[in-house]
C-alpha atoms as a PDB file:
ATOM      1  CA  MET A   1     -85.106 -74.782  91.765  1.00  0.00           C
ATOM      2  CA  ARG A   2     -87.849 -75.891  94.146  1.00  0.00           C
ATOM      3  CA  VAL A   3     -89.362 -79.349  93.796  1.00  0.00           C
ATOM      4  CA  ILE A   4     -92.877 -79.741  95.220  1.00  0.00           C
ATOM      5  CA  ARG A   5     -94.650 -83.074  95.485  1.00  0.00           C
ATOM      6  CA  ALA A   6     -98.409 -83.274  95.147  1.00  0.00           C
ATOM      7  CA  GLU A   7    -100.194 -84.144  98.387  1.00  0.00           C
ATOM      8  CA  VAL A   8    -101.583 -87.305  96.750  1.00  0.00           C
ATOM      9  CA  LEU A   9     -99.569 -89.160  94.120  1.00  0.00           C
ATOM     10  CA  GLY A  10     -98.562 -92.623  93.086  1.00  0.00           C
ATOM     11  CA  MET A  11     -99.864 -96.111  93.636  1.00  0.00           C
ATOM     12  CA  CYS A  12    -103.495 -96.749  94.565  1.00  0.00           C
ATOM     13  CA  PHE A  13    -104.746 -99.591  96.740  1.00  0.00           C
ATOM     14  CA  GLY A  14    -105.995-101.595  93.765  1.00  0.00           C
ATOM     15  CA  VAL A  15    -102.535-101.742  92.230  1.00  0.00           C
ATOM     16  CA  ARG A  16    -100.886-102.482  95.585  1.00  0.00           C
ATOM     17  CA  ASP A  17    -103.309-105.355  96.166  1.00  0.00           C
ATOM     18  CA  ALA A  18    -102.600-106.796  92.708  1.00  0.00           C
ATOM     19  CA  LEU A  19     -98.856-106.663  93.351  1.00  0.00           C
ATOM     20  CA  LYS A  20     -99.292-108.398  96.710  1.00  0.00           C
ATOM     21  CA  VAL A  21    -101.110-111.261  94.999  1.00  0.00           C
ATOM     22  CA  VAL A  22     -98.277-111.616  92.499  1.00  0.00           C
ATOM     23  CA  GLU A  23     -95.616-111.481  95.218  1.00  0.00           C
ATOM     24  CA  ARG A  24     -97.264-114.446  96.972  1.00  0.00           C
ATOM     25  CA  ILE A  25     -96.998-116.683  93.895  1.00  0.00           C
ATOM     26  CA  GLY A  26     -94.013-118.925  94.540  1.00  0.00           C
ATOM     27  CA  ASP A  27     -94.210-121.499  91.752  1.00  0.00           C
ATOM     28  CA  LEU A  28     -94.438-119.717  88.406  1.00  0.00           C
ATOM     29  CA  HIS A  29     -94.874-122.919  86.399  1.00  0.00           C
ATOM     30  CA  GLY A  30     -98.064-122.699  84.362  1.00  0.00           C
ATOM     31  CA  VAL A  31     -98.847-119.117  85.434  1.00  0.00           C
ATOM     32  CA  LEU A  32     -99.817-116.701  82.657  1.00  0.00           C
ATOM     33  CA  ILE A  33    -100.556-113.020  83.249  1.00  0.00           C
ATOM     34  CA  HIS A  34    -103.453-112.229  80.912  1.00  0.00           C
ATOM     35  CA  GLY A  35    -102.241-108.868  79.587  1.00  0.00           C
ATOM     36  CA  GLU A  36    -100.352-106.184  81.513  1.00  0.00           C
ATOM     37  CA  LEU A  37    -100.802-106.501  85.273  1.00  0.00           C
ATOM     38  CA  VAL A  38    -100.689-102.702  85.442  1.00  0.00           C
ATOM     39  CA  HIS A  39     -99.757-100.093  82.852  1.00  0.00           C
ATOM     40  CA  ASN A  40     -96.268 -99.374  84.114  1.00  0.00           C
ATOM     41  CA  GLU A  41     -93.029-100.292  82.363  1.00  0.00           C
ATOM     42  CA  VAL A  42     -91.006-100.580  85.584  1.00  0.00           C
ATOM     43  CA  VAL A  43     -93.483-103.055  87.109  1.00  0.00           C
ATOM     44  CA  LEU A  44     -93.633-105.096  83.896  1.00  0.00           C
ATOM     45  CA  ALA A  45     -89.828-105.251  83.746  1.00  0.00           C
ATOM     46  CA  ASP A  46     -89.784-106.502  87.356  1.00  0.00           C
ATOM     47  CA  LEU A  47     -92.290-109.241  86.484  1.00  0.00           C
ATOM     48  CA  ASP A  48     -90.276-110.246  83.436  1.00  0.00           C
ATOM     49  CA  ARG A  49     -87.091-110.539  85.517  1.00  0.00           C
ATOM     50  CA  ARG A  50     -88.960-112.775  87.969  1.00  0.00           C
ATOM     51  CA  GLY A  51     -89.843-115.092  85.105  1.00  0.00           C
ATOM     52  CA  PHE A  52     -93.581-114.479  84.696  1.00  0.00           C
ATOM     53  CA  ALA A  53     -95.148-115.335  81.359  1.00  0.00           C
ATOM     54  CA  MET A  54     -97.230-112.403  80.138  1.00  0.00           C
ATOM     55  CA  ARG A  55     -99.698-112.384  77.286  1.00  0.00           C
ATOM     56  CA  PRO A  56     -99.650-109.261  75.077  1.00  0.00           C
ATOM     57  CA  GLU A  57    -102.625-107.077  75.902  1.00  0.00           C
ATOM     58  CA  ALA A  58    -103.754-106.914  72.282  1.00  0.00           C
ATOM     59  CA  GLU A  59    -104.273-110.702  72.347  1.00  0.00           C
ATOM     60  CA  ARG A  60    -106.427-110.795  75.472  1.00  0.00           C
ATOM     61  CA  ALA A  61    -109.829-110.924  73.834  1.00  0.00           C
ATOM     62  CA  GLY A  62    -110.743-112.947  70.787  1.00  0.00           C
ATOM     63  CA  GLY A  63    -107.373-114.678  70.428  1.00  0.00           C
ATOM     64  CA  ASP A  64    -106.357-118.238  71.164  1.00  0.00           C
ATOM     65  CA  VAL A  65    -107.390-119.370  74.623  1.00  0.00           C
ATOM     66  CA  PRO A  66    -104.654-120.764  76.879  1.00  0.00           C
ATOM     67  CA  GLU A  67    -105.434-124.207  78.247  1.00  0.00           C
ATOM     68  CA  ALA A  68    -104.964-125.814  81.659  1.00  0.00           C
ATOM     69  CA  ARG A  69    -102.998-122.965  83.123  1.00  0.00           C
ATOM     70  CA  ARG A  70    -103.249-120.613  86.063  1.00  0.00           C
ATOM     71  CA  VAL A  71    -104.327-117.387  84.368  1.00  0.00           C
ATOM     72  CA  LEU A  72    -103.873-114.179  86.312  1.00  0.00           C
ATOM     73  CA  ILE A  73    -106.547-111.568  85.571  1.00  0.00           C
ATOM     74  CA  THR A  74    -105.071-108.086  85.707  1.00  0.00           C
ATOM     75  CA  ALA A  75    -106.211-105.146  87.811  1.00  0.00           C
ATOM     76  CA  HIS A  76    -108.127-103.789  84.791  1.00  0.00           C
ATOM     77  CA  GLY A  77    -110.520-106.756  84.837  1.00  0.00           C
ATOM     78  CA  ILE A  78    -112.137-108.724  82.029  1.00  0.00           C
ATOM     79  CA  SER A  79    -115.642-109.273  80.730  1.00  0.00           C
ATOM     80  CA  ASP A  80    -117.785-112.163  81.942  1.00  0.00           C
ATOM     81  CA  ARG A  81    -117.649-113.425  78.348  1.00  0.00           C
ATOM     82  CA  GLU A  82    -113.852-113.600  78.481  1.00  0.00           C
ATOM     83  CA  ARG A  83    -113.951-115.160  81.935  1.00  0.00           C
ATOM     84  CA  ARG A  84    -116.185-117.973  80.631  1.00  0.00           C
ATOM     85  CA  ARG A  85    -113.856-118.543  77.659  1.00  0.00           C
ATOM     86  CA  LEU A  86    -110.875-118.958  79.945  1.00  0.00           C
ATOM     87  CA  GLU A  87    -112.636-121.244  82.401  1.00  0.00           C
ATOM     88  CA  ALA A  88    -114.134-123.419  79.633  1.00  0.00           C
ATOM     89  CA  ALA A  89    -110.578-124.193  78.507  1.00  0.00           C
ATOM     90  CA  GLY A  90    -109.776-125.659  81.914  1.00  0.00           C
ATOM     91  CA  ASN A  91    -107.893-122.677  83.307  1.00  0.00           C
ATOM     92  CA  THR A  92    -107.801-121.697  86.976  1.00  0.00           C
ATOM     93  CA  LEU A  93    -108.199-117.952  87.386  1.00  0.00           C
ATOM     94  CA  ILE A  94    -106.193-115.814  89.794  1.00  0.00           C
ATOM     95  CA  ASP A  95    -108.240-112.622  89.913  1.00  0.00           C
ATOM     96  CA  THR A  96    -106.591-109.292  90.791  1.00  0.00           C
ATOM     97  CA  THR A  97    -109.366-107.109  89.339  1.00  0.00           C
ATOM     98  CA  CYS A  98    -109.608-103.832  91.242  1.00  0.00           C
ATOM     99  CA  PRO A  99    -112.897-103.709  93.210  1.00  0.00           C
ATOM    100  CA  LEU A 100    -113.529-100.217  91.842  1.00  0.00           C
ATOM    101  CA  VAL A 101    -113.308-101.588  88.297  1.00  0.00           C
ATOM    102  CA  LEU A 102    -115.835-104.250  89.294  1.00  0.00           C
ATOM    103  CA  ARG A 103    -118.079-101.407  90.425  1.00  0.00           C
ATOM    104  CA  VAL A 104    -118.110-100.077  86.843  1.00  0.00           C
ATOM    105  CA  HIS A 105    -119.039-103.537  85.528  1.00  0.00           C
ATOM    106  CA  ASN A 106    -121.847-103.879  88.059  1.00  0.00           C
ATOM    107  CA  ALA A 107    -123.254-100.408  87.384  1.00  0.00           C
ATOM    108  CA  ALA A 108    -123.205-100.923  83.613  1.00  0.00           C
ATOM    109  CA  ARG A 109    -124.880-104.343  83.894  1.00  0.00           C
ATOM    110  CA  MET A 110    -127.503-102.951  86.267  1.00  0.00           C
ATOM    111  CA  LEU A 111    -128.407-100.113  83.901  1.00  0.00           C
ATOM    112  CA  HIS A 112    -128.393-102.433  80.896  1.00  0.00           C
ATOM    113  CA  GLY A 113    -130.640-104.904  82.725  1.00  0.00           C
ATOM    114  CA  GLU A 114    -133.126-102.136  83.498  1.00  0.00           C
ATOM    115  CA  GLY A 115    -133.449-101.273  79.816  1.00  0.00           C
ATOM    116  CA  TYR A 116    -131.068 -98.311  79.552  1.00  0.00           C
ATOM    117  CA  HIS A 117    -128.784 -97.753  76.578  1.00  0.00           C
ATOM    118  CA  VAL A 118    -125.385 -97.536  78.314  1.00  0.00           C
ATOM    119  CA  LEU A 119    -122.956 -94.710  77.653  1.00  0.00           C
ATOM    120  CA  LEU A 120    -119.465 -95.297  79.021  1.00  0.00           C
ATOM    121  CA  VAL A 121    -117.248 -92.233  79.425  1.00  0.00           C
ATOM    122  CA  GLY A 122    -113.778 -93.561  78.753  1.00  0.00           C
ATOM    123  CA  ARG A 123    -110.894 -94.144  76.431  1.00  0.00           C
ATOM    124  CA  LYS A 124    -111.852 -96.160  73.375  1.00  0.00           C
ATOM    125  CA  GLY A 125    -109.907 -99.390  73.098  1.00  0.00           C
ATOM    126  CA  HIS A 126    -108.614 -99.243  76.675  1.00  0.00           C
ATOM    127  CA  VAL A 127    -108.510-102.663  78.289  1.00  0.00           C
ATOM    128  CA  GLU A 128    -110.766-101.626  81.191  1.00  0.00           C
ATOM    129  CA  VAL A 129    -113.334-100.163  78.802  1.00  0.00           C
ATOM    130  CA  ASN A 130    -113.245-103.248  76.579  1.00  0.00           C
ATOM    131  CA  GLY A 131    -113.907-105.468  79.570  1.00  0.00           C
ATOM    132  CA  VAL A 132    -117.069-103.542  80.392  1.00  0.00           C
ATOM    133  CA  VAL A 133    -118.571-103.164  76.921  1.00  0.00           C
ATOM    134  CA  GLU A 134    -117.975-106.775  75.836  1.00  0.00           C
ATOM    135  CA  ASP A 135    -120.859-107.882  78.074  1.00  0.00           C
ATOM    136  CA  LEU A 136    -123.375-105.307  76.788  1.00  0.00           C
ATOM    137  CA  GLU A 137    -125.590-105.287  73.723  1.00  0.00           C
ATOM    138  CA  ARG A 138    -126.672-101.632  73.961  1.00  0.00           C
ATOM    139  CA  VAL A 139    -123.618 -99.448  74.583  1.00  0.00           C
ATOM    140  CA  ASP A 140    -121.591 -96.548  73.208  1.00  0.00           C
ATOM    141  CA  VAL A 141    -118.207 -95.334  74.426  1.00  0.00           C
ATOM    142  CA  ILE A 142    -117.933 -91.556  74.563  1.00  0.00           C
ATOM    143  CA  GLU A 143    -114.392 -90.221  74.812  1.00  0.00           C
ATOM    144  CA  THR A 144    -114.775 -86.633  73.597  1.00  0.00           C
ATOM    145  CA  PRO A 145    -117.616 -84.155  73.011  1.00  0.00           C
ATOM    146  CA  ALA A 146    -117.585 -85.202  69.350  1.00  0.00           C
ATOM    147  CA  ASP A 147    -118.885 -88.632  70.393  1.00  0.00           C
ATOM    148  CA  VAL A 148    -122.042 -87.203  71.963  1.00  0.00           C
ATOM    149  CA  ARG A 149    -125.109 -87.171  69.712  1.00  0.00           C
ATOM    150  CA  ASP A 150    -128.827 -87.761  69.794  1.00  0.00           C
ATOM    151  CA  PHE A 151    -128.801 -91.494  70.477  1.00  0.00           C
ATOM    152  CA  GLY A 152    -132.484 -91.815  69.586  1.00  0.00           C
ATOM    153  CA  VAL A 153    -133.501 -93.870  72.615  1.00  0.00           C
ATOM    154  CA  PRO A 154    -135.805 -93.003  75.536  1.00  0.00           C
ATOM    155  CA  ARG A 155    -133.437 -94.052  78.364  1.00  0.00           C
ATOM    156  CA  LEU A 156    -129.696 -93.459  78.678  1.00  0.00           C
ATOM    157  CA  GLY A 157    -127.521 -94.790  81.484  1.00  0.00           C
ATOM    158  CA  LEU A 158    -124.178 -93.041  81.972  1.00  0.00           C
ATOM    159  CA  VAL A 159    -121.163 -94.628  83.707  1.00  0.00           C
ATOM    160  CA  CYS A 160    -117.440 -93.853  83.666  1.00  0.00           C
ATOM    161  CA  GLN A 161    -114.089 -95.535  83.296  1.00  0.00           C
ATOM    162  CA  THR A 162    -112.471 -95.443  86.732  1.00  0.00           C
ATOM    163  CA  THR A 163    -109.747 -93.047  85.559  1.00  0.00           C
ATOM    164  CA  ALA A 164    -111.916 -90.556  83.641  1.00  0.00           C
ATOM    165  CA  PRO A 165    -111.289 -86.886  84.569  1.00  0.00           C
ATOM    166  CA  GLU A 166    -114.084 -85.375  86.644  1.00  0.00           C
ATOM    167  CA  SER A 167    -114.155 -82.249  84.489  1.00  0.00           C
ATOM    168  CA  LEU A 168    -114.630 -84.288  81.303  1.00  0.00           C
ATOM    169  CA  VAL A 169    -117.373 -86.354  82.919  1.00  0.00           C
ATOM    170  CA  ARG A 170    -119.244 -83.177  83.882  1.00  0.00           C
ATOM    171  CA  GLU A 171    -118.887 -81.780  80.359  1.00  0.00           C
ATOM    172  CA  LEU A 172    -120.043 -84.957  78.623  1.00  0.00           C
ATOM    173  CA  ARG A 173    -122.898 -85.495  81.061  1.00  0.00           C
ATOM    174  CA  THR A 174    -124.193 -82.002  80.269  1.00  0.00           C
ATOM    175  CA  LEU A 175    -123.855 -82.567  76.522  1.00  0.00           C
ATOM    176  CA  VAL A 176    -125.697 -85.903  76.700  1.00  0.00           C
ATOM    177  CA  ALA A 177    -128.650 -84.183  78.383  1.00  0.00           C
ATOM    178  CA  GLU A 178    -128.616 -81.271  75.929  1.00  0.00           C
ATOM    179  CA  ARG A 179    -128.478 -83.443  72.828  1.00  0.00           C
ATOM    180  CA  ASN A 180    -131.049 -85.943  74.124  1.00  0.00           C
ATOM    181  CA  PRO A 181    -133.664 -83.577  75.611  1.00  0.00           C
ATOM    182  CA  ASP A 182    -136.488 -86.109  75.493  1.00  0.00           C
ATOM    183  CA  ALA A 183    -134.523 -88.975  77.041  1.00  0.00           C
ATOM    184  CA  GLU A 184    -134.313 -89.984  80.672  1.00  0.00           C
ATOM    185  CA  VAL A 185    -130.612 -89.806  81.610  1.00  0.00           C
ATOM    186  CA  ARG A 186    -129.472 -91.747  84.656  1.00  0.00           C
ATOM    187  CA  PHE A 187    -125.909 -91.140  85.867  1.00  0.00           C
ATOM    188  CA  VAL A 188    -123.830 -93.432  88.095  1.00  0.00           C
ATOM    189  CA  ASP A 189    -120.515 -91.879  89.112  1.00  0.00           C
ATOM    190  CA  THR A 190    -117.941 -94.685  88.802  1.00  0.00           C
ATOM    191  CA  VAL A 191    -114.787 -92.551  88.659  1.00  0.00           C
ATOM    192  CA  CYS A 192    -112.681 -94.060  91.429  1.00  0.00           C
ATOM    193  CA  GLN A 193    -111.774 -92.086  94.543  1.00  0.00           C
ATOM    194  CA  PRO A 194    -107.988 -92.462  94.069  1.00  0.00           C
ATOM    195  CA  THR A 195    -108.302 -90.918  90.593  1.00  0.00           C
ATOM    196  CA  LYS A 196    -110.313 -88.019  92.003  1.00  0.00           C
ATOM    197  CA  GLU A 197    -107.800 -87.470  94.801  1.00  0.00           C
ATOM    198  CA  HIS A 198    -104.849 -87.480  92.387  1.00  0.00           C
ATOM    199  CA  GLN A 199    -106.544 -84.983  90.084  1.00  0.00           C
ATOM    200  CA  ARG A 200    -107.630 -82.685  92.914  1.00  0.00           C
ATOM    201  CA  ALA A 201    -104.155 -82.744  94.484  1.00  0.00           C
ATOM    202  CA  LEU A 202    -102.672 -81.802  91.122  1.00  0.00           C
ATOM    203  CA  GLU A 203    -105.153 -78.929  90.790  1.00  0.00           C
ATOM    204  CA  GLY A 204    -103.826 -77.568  94.082  1.00  0.00           C
ATOM    205  CA  LEU A 205    -100.236 -78.021  92.971  1.00  0.00           C
ATOM    206  CA  LEU A 206    -100.715 -76.121  89.716  1.00  0.00           C
ATOM    207  CA  GLY A 207    -101.235 -72.852  91.564  1.00  0.00           C
ATOM    208  CA  VAL A 208     -97.704 -72.837  93.026  1.00  0.00           C
ATOM    209  CA  VAL A 209     -95.466 -74.354  90.321  1.00  0.00           C
ATOM    210  CA  ASP A 210     -94.158 -73.295  86.924  1.00  0.00           C
ATOM    211  CA  ALA A 211     -94.122 -76.782  85.393  1.00  0.00           C
ATOM    212  CA  VAL A 212     -94.900 -80.387  86.328  1.00  0.00           C
ATOM    213  CA  VAL A 213     -93.193 -83.742  85.944  1.00  0.00           C
ATOM    214  CA  VAL A 214     -95.699 -86.621  85.809  1.00  0.00           C
ATOM    215  CA  VAL A 215     -94.331 -90.097  86.497  1.00  0.00           C
ATOM    216  CA  GLY A 216     -96.153 -93.087  85.055  1.00  0.00           C
ATOM    217  CA  GLY A 217     -96.505 -95.692  82.341  1.00  0.00           C
ATOM    218  CA  ARG A 218     -96.859 -94.703  78.703  1.00  0.00           C
ATOM    219  CA  SER A 219    -100.167 -96.565  78.315  1.00  0.00           C
ATOM    220  CA  SER A 220    -101.547 -95.542  81.723  1.00  0.00           C
ATOM    221  CA  ASN A 221    -104.792 -93.662  81.167  1.00  0.00           C
ATOM    222  CA  ASN A 222    -104.810 -91.939  84.552  1.00  0.00           C
ATOM    223  CA  THR A 223    -101.204 -90.771  84.044  1.00  0.00           C
ATOM    224  CA  ARG A 224    -102.101 -89.344  80.662  1.00  0.00           C
ATOM    225  CA  GLN A 225    -105.061 -87.548  82.216  1.00  0.00           C
ATOM    226  CA  LEU A 226    -102.741 -85.876  84.760  1.00  0.00           C
ATOM    227  CA  VAL A 227    -100.564 -84.599  81.912  1.00  0.00           C
ATOM    228  CA  ASP A 228    -103.631 -83.357  80.043  1.00  0.00           C
ATOM    229  CA  LEU A 229    -104.884 -81.558  83.163  1.00  0.00           C
ATOM    230  CA  CYS A 230    -101.603 -79.655  83.452  1.00  0.00           C
ATOM    231  CA  ARG A 231    -101.779 -78.526  79.863  1.00  0.00           C
ATOM    232  CA  ARG A 232    -105.439 -77.506  80.099  1.00  0.00           C
ATOM    233  CA  ARG A 233    -104.470 -75.295  83.041  1.00  0.00           C
ATOM    234  CA  GLY A 234    -101.622 -73.720  81.092  1.00  0.00           C
ATOM    235  CA  ARG A 235     -98.750 -75.451  82.896  1.00  0.00           C
ATOM    236  CA  PRO A 236     -95.992 -77.152  80.889  1.00  0.00           C
ATOM    237  CA  ALA A 237     -95.759 -80.864  81.716  1.00  0.00           C
ATOM    238  CA  ARG A 238     -93.515 -83.771  80.861  1.00  0.00           C
ATOM    239  CA  GLN A 239     -94.325 -87.437  81.420  1.00  0.00           C
ATOM    240  CA  VAL A 240     -91.502 -89.809  82.353  1.00  0.00           C
ATOM    241  CA  THR A 241     -91.430 -93.486  83.231  1.00  0.00           C
ATOM    242  CA  SER A 242     -88.177 -93.166  85.208  1.00  0.00           C
ATOM    243  CA  ALA A 243     -85.521 -90.696  86.342  1.00  0.00           C
ATOM    244  CA  GLU A 244     -83.429 -91.512  83.265  1.00  0.00           C
ATOM    245  CA  GLU A 245     -85.998 -89.787  81.057  1.00  0.00           C
ATOM    246  CA  LEU A 246     -85.791 -86.388  82.774  1.00  0.00           C
ATOM    247  CA  ASP A 247     -84.816 -83.547  80.442  1.00  0.00           C
ATOM    248  CA  ARG A 248     -82.329 -81.431  82.407  1.00  0.00           C
ATOM    249  CA  ASP A 249     -82.261 -78.554  79.920  1.00  0.00           C
ATOM    250  CA  TRP A 250     -86.066 -78.303  79.937  1.00  0.00           C
ATOM    251  CA  LEU A 251     -86.229 -78.393  83.737  1.00  0.00           C
ATOM    252  CA  LEU A 252     -83.644 -75.664  84.237  1.00  0.00           C
ATOM    253  CA  GLY A 253     -85.997 -73.194  82.601  1.00  0.00           C
ATOM    254  CA  PHE A 254     -88.275 -73.204  85.679  1.00  0.00           C
ATOM    255  CA  ALA A 255     -87.900 -71.906  89.229  1.00  0.00           C
ATOM    256  CA  THR A 256     -90.457 -74.298  90.758  1.00  0.00           C
ATOM    257  CA  VAL A 257     -91.288 -77.775  89.464  1.00  0.00           C
ATOM    258  CA  GLY A 258     -94.176 -79.934  90.669  1.00  0.00           C
ATOM    259  CA  LEU A 259     -94.066 -83.704  90.912  1.00  0.00           C
ATOM    260  CA  THR A 260     -97.000 -86.089  90.630  1.00  0.00           C
ATOM    261  CA  ALA A 261     -97.462 -89.696  89.526  1.00  0.00           C
ATOM    262  CA  GLY A 262    -100.100 -92.048  88.178  1.00  0.00           C
ATOM    263  CA  THR A 263    -101.825 -94.688  90.265  1.00  0.00           C
ATOM    264  CA  SER A 264     -99.665 -97.568  88.979  1.00  0.00           C
ATOM    265  CA  THR A 265     -96.321 -95.902  89.723  1.00  0.00           C
ATOM    266  CA  LEU A 266     -94.042 -97.556  92.271  1.00  0.00           C
ATOM    267  CA  ASP A 267     -92.973 -95.567  95.325  1.00  0.00           C
ATOM    268  CA  ARG A 268     -89.331 -96.248  94.541  1.00  0.00           C
ATOM    269  CA  THR A 269     -89.720 -94.784  91.042  1.00  0.00           C
ATOM    270  CA  ILE A 270     -91.270 -91.592  92.423  1.00  0.00           C
ATOM    271  CA  ASP A 271     -88.472 -91.264  94.975  1.00  0.00           C
ATOM    272  CA  GLU A 272     -85.809 -91.810  92.301  1.00  0.00           C
ATOM    273  CA  VAL A 273     -87.336 -89.107  90.109  1.00  0.00           C
ATOM    274  CA  HIS A 274     -87.613 -86.777  93.116  1.00  0.00           C
ATOM    275  CA  ARG A 275     -83.940 -87.252  94.006  1.00  0.00           C
ATOM    276  CA  ALA A 276     -82.926 -86.654  90.390  1.00  0.00           C
ATOM    277  CA  LEU A 277     -84.961 -83.437  90.253  1.00  0.00           C
ATOM    278  CA  VAL A 278     -83.325 -82.225  93.454  1.00  0.00           C
ATOM    279  CA  ALA A 279     -79.880 -83.057  92.059  1.00  0.00           C
ATOM    280  CA  ILE A 280     -80.628 -81.126  88.867  1.00  0.00           C
ATOM    281  CA  GLY A 281     -81.642 -78.131  90.954  1.00  0.00           C
ATOM    282  CA  VAL A 282     -78.486 -78.411  93.057  1.00  0.00           C
ATOM    283  CA  GLY A 283     -76.365 -78.579  89.939  1.00  0.00           C
ATOM    284  CA  ARG A 284     -77.942 -75.418  88.606  1.00  0.00           C
ATOM    285  CA  ASP A 285     -77.700 -73.420  91.807  1.00  0.00           C
ATOM    286  CA  GLY A 286     -74.370 -74.729  93.036  1.00  0.00           C
ATOM    287  CA  GLU A 287     -75.842 -75.574  96.441  1.00  0.00           C
ATOM    288  CA  THR A 288     -76.027 -78.713  98.558  1.00  0.00           C
ATOM    289  CA  PRO A 289     -79.270 -80.405  99.571  1.00  0.00           C
ATOM    290  CA  GLY A 290     -78.660 -79.700 103.224  1.00  0.00           C
ATOM    291  CA  GLU A 291     -78.631 -75.935 102.815  1.00  0.00           C
ATOM    292  CA  HIS A 292     -82.411 -75.643 102.681  1.00  0.00           C
ATOM    293  CA  PRO A 293     -85.077 -77.263 104.866  1.00  0.00           C
ATOM    294  CA  ALA A 294     -88.172 -78.950 103.499  1.00  0.00           C
ATOM    295  CA  LEU A 295     -91.157 -76.644 103.251  1.00  0.00           C
ATOM    296  CA  ASN A 296     -94.852 -77.424 103.607  1.00  0.00           C
ATOM    297  CA  TRP A 297     -97.344 -75.260 101.757  1.00  0.00           C
ATOM    298  CA  GLY A 298    -100.891 -76.307 102.550  1.00  0.00           C
ATOM    299  CA  GLY A 299    -100.057 -79.999 102.502  1.00  0.00           C
ATOM    300  CA  LEU A 300     -97.728 -79.754  99.485  1.00  0.00           C
ATOM    301  CA  ARG A 301     -94.254 -81.002 100.276  1.00  0.00           C
ATOM    302  CA  ALA A 302     -91.400 -78.914  98.901  1.00  0.00           C
ATOM    303  CA  ASP A 303     -87.648 -79.238  98.808  1.00  0.00           C
ATOM    304  CA  ALA A 304     -86.389 -75.676  98.537  1.00  0.00           C
ATOM    305  CA  LEU A 305     -83.350 -75.304  96.342  1.00  0.00           C
ATOM    306  CA  ALA A 306     -83.623 -71.697  95.227  1.00  0.00           C
END
């Protein structure tokens, strides 16, 4: 069984920067992480072992406000409304918001300020999406083609969650124009570059593998989008959070397996899954890892075991 890693996979700079901020916090007394720092179970377990207090994500907005604490804002960001609530209670904010998430906030506010009705392509209820829409009076979240209608306004401003798939954005942008033929539609592409690079690398991988293992958190939107992309292209895919979740029997049905990972997945987790995949292939073929050299197919790394 060959195992081929996507050319681009795993942690993005925004997540790495957030983790660096957390690593520099020595005294944890009075520190509260306002939600999930990133959507990754391995990272959250690490933070819990270190002793960080973490507020459940469902309680971030509208719940009781912590007082006189150091509140760490997660990489997904928060609304200005929520920021004011926290500061009014005497909290000091430690902000790890990804700059590319801030770009979505700024684009949405700019369009809203210029009189556009904002349409946000994204996952309804996602913490990043909530942070953007909470500051807007005129906004709709469109997640699927079924959400696109005639909005009955003369000006529509379209922005995207950072982890929205490019193909979905193109489809929804076209539908918005078709169903609002008399409206001016202004589009600001706020899908982040790391998301685009992960999706494009996976597209290249799908042409040379029989199935794909996607490593990432259960509530990670960009990880879910990688799984969905595989299935839309007719490639079986399984999402795992760690090597322990690999299904050996399922994997042994394929000659070549691709490996990719979401943007909040630790390097060590990807490497552990990779080693486990190689070991499964060795066990099937009765060979040793040293019997085959690593291959490189157009930038895709492969460990040949067949």
